[in-house]
Amino acid sequence: MTVTARNKYFTGVGRRKTAVAQVRVLAGDGRFILNGKQGEQPLKLKRVFETVGKSGQLDVEVVARGGGFTSTVDAVAMGTARALVELNPDFKQALRKAGFLTRDARIKERKKPGLKKARKAPQWAKR
C-alpha cells in the first residue's frame, strides 16, 4: 500500500514510562510537527525511517503528553513505527528486528510505607 492522497494518514500510539505519543504519518517531504510546532526530527525518529528506507518521504504529526524528553522521543519513535507498519505490513519484520516495536515495560516503582522511596530505607542502628 502506498500513500497517495494528501489527506490520507496512518496512526500509531507509542508509550514509554508516563509519556504517550499519538502519531500520524502522511505523505509529504519529511516535516515533523510536535504538539502543533514544527521542529527538527529527533535522531531516533530518523533511524526509524532509515530502517524502512522512507527517510524524507513522509510527514509526521505528533500529539505527546507526559514524561520527560527521552521518554517522549522513545514514545514518538514507537508510535511512528506502528504507523509505518499500518502503512505497509512488510516493514514489521525490519522494525521489530531494530527494536522499534518493542514496548519498554520499565516504569517507576511505587513508594512503600515505612520507606523513604521505593527501596531506600531509613538509617538503621543496631544499638
Protein backbone atom coordinates (compact mmCIF):
# COMPACT_ATOMS: atom_id res chain seq x y z
CA MET A 1 0.00 0.00 0.00
CA THR A 2 1.31 3.48 -0.83
CA VAL A 3 0.35 6.92 0.41
CA THR A 4 -1.22 8.82 -2.48
CA ALA A 5 -3.84 11.26 -1.21
CA ARG A 6 -2.57 14.27 0.75
CA ASN A 7 -5.20 13.83 3.47
CA LYS A 8 -4.66 10.05 3.87
CA TYR A 9 -2.79 9.24 7.05
CA PHE A 10 -1.82 6.28 9.21
CA THR A 11 -1.84 6.35 13.00
CA GLY A 12 0.10 4.73 15.79
CA VAL A 13 0.31 5.17 19.56
CA GLY A 14 3.62 4.85 21.38
CA ARG A 15 4.22 4.73 25.12
CA ARG A 16 7.31 4.93 27.34
CA LYS A 17 7.17 5.35 31.15
CA THR A 18 4.43 8.00 31.54
CA ALA A 19 4.83 9.51 28.05
CA VAL A 20 2.13 8.84 25.44
CA ALA A 21 2.51 9.89 21.79
CA GLN A 22 -0.27 9.78 19.21
CA VAL A 23 1.41 9.78 15.80
CA ARG A 24 0.08 10.46 12.30
CA VAL A 25 2.19 9.61 9.26
CA LEU A 26 1.22 11.35 6.00
CA ALA A 27 2.62 11.73 2.51
CA GLY A 28 4.99 14.70 2.43
CA ASP A 29 8.57 15.88 2.42
CA GLY A 30 9.83 14.91 5.88
CA ARG A 31 8.25 17.60 8.10
CA PHE A 32 7.98 16.89 11.86
CA ILE A 33 5.26 18.59 13.92
CA LEU A 34 5.16 18.01 17.69
CA ASN A 35 2.16 19.42 19.59
CA GLY A 36 1.44 21.89 16.78
CA LYS A 37 5.02 23.21 16.50
CA GLN A 38 7.28 22.35 13.59
CA GLY A 39 10.78 21.22 14.51
CA GLU A 40 13.73 19.01 13.70
CA GLN A 41 13.22 15.23 13.74
CA PRO A 42 14.92 13.54 16.71
CA LEU A 43 17.77 11.20 15.75
CA LYS A 44 15.86 8.12 16.94
CA LEU A 45 12.94 9.03 14.66
CA LYS A 46 15.31 9.45 11.69
CA ARG A 47 16.60 5.92 12.39
CA VAL A 48 13.04 4.55 12.20
CA PHE A 49 12.63 5.97 8.67
CA GLU A 50 16.13 4.86 7.61
CA THR A 51 15.29 1.30 8.73
CA VAL A 52 12.43 1.10 6.21
CA GLY A 53 14.01 3.34 3.54
CA LYS A 54 11.42 6.14 3.77
CA SER A 55 13.69 8.94 5.00
CA GLY A 56 12.41 12.37 3.90
CA GLN A 57 9.32 10.96 2.13
CA LEU A 58 6.72 11.18 4.91
CA ASP A 59 5.47 13.90 7.27
CA VAL A 60 4.96 13.14 10.96
CA GLU A 61 2.39 14.87 13.19
CA VAL A 62 2.58 14.07 16.89
CA VAL A 63 0.49 14.88 19.96
CA ALA A 64 2.57 13.93 23.01
CA ARG A 65 1.67 14.08 26.70
CA GLY A 66 3.54 13.28 29.91
CA GLY A 67 7.06 12.08 30.58
CA GLY A 68 10.38 13.76 30.01
CA PHE A 69 12.38 14.45 26.87
CA THR A 70 13.85 10.97 26.39
CA SER A 71 10.59 9.18 27.20
CA THR A 72 8.74 11.40 24.73
CA VAL A 73 11.27 10.69 21.96
CA ASP A 74 11.03 6.93 22.60
CA ALA A 75 7.21 7.09 22.60
CA VAL A 76 7.23 9.06 19.31
CA ALA A 77 9.60 6.52 17.72
CA MET A 78 7.36 3.61 18.75
CA GLY A 79 4.20 5.37 17.55
CA THR A 80 5.84 6.17 14.23
CA ALA A 81 6.99 2.56 13.82
CA ARG A 82 3.45 1.32 14.49
CA ALA A 83 2.04 3.79 11.96
CA LEU A 84 4.58 2.63 9.35
CA VAL A 85 3.50 -0.99 9.92
CA GLU A 86 -0.09 0.14 9.31
CA LEU A 87 1.13 1.83 6.10
CA ASN A 88 2.99 -1.27 4.91
CA PRO A 89 2.91 -4.57 6.87
CA ASP A 90 6.16 -5.62 5.17
CA PHE A 91 8.01 -3.10 7.39
CA LYS A 92 7.12 -5.05 10.53
CA GLN A 93 9.99 -7.54 10.41
CA ALA A 94 12.69 -4.87 9.91
CA LEU A 95 11.25 -2.58 12.59
CA ARG A 96 10.87 -5.47 15.06
CA LYS A 97 14.49 -6.55 14.46
CA ALA A 98 15.70 -2.97 15.04
CA GLY A 99 13.73 -2.87 18.32
CA PHE A 100 11.29 -0.08 17.45
CA LEU A 101 8.15 -2.16 18.04
CA THR A 102 9.18 -3.48 21.47
CA ARG A 103 7.49 -1.71 24.39
CA ASP A 104 9.94 -0.88 27.21
CA ALA A 105 7.96 -2.00 30.27
CA ARG A 106 10.25 -0.37 32.86
CA ILE A 107 8.28 2.18 34.88
CA LYS A 108 8.87 3.94 38.20
CA GLU A 109 8.42 1.63 41.17
CA ARG A 110 5.92 2.84 43.76
CA LYS A 111 6.94 4.16 47.19
CA LYS A 112 6.34 1.68 50.02
CA PRO A 113 5.05 2.59 53.50
CA GLY A 114 7.83 2.83 56.10
CA LEU A 115 10.46 3.56 53.45
CA LYS A 116 11.70 6.93 52.18
CA LYS A 117 11.43 5.92 48.49
CA ALA A 118 10.64 2.70 46.64
CA ARG A 119 13.58 0.83 48.20
CA LYS A 120 15.52 3.41 50.25
CA ALA A 121 15.06 2.65 53.95
CA PRO A 122 15.65 4.99 56.89
CA GLN A 123 19.05 4.64 58.57
CA TRP A 124 19.13 1.58 60.81
CA ALA A 125 21.02 1.43 64.13
CA LYS A 126 21.82 -1.90 65.73
CA ARG A 127 22.03 -0.39 69.26
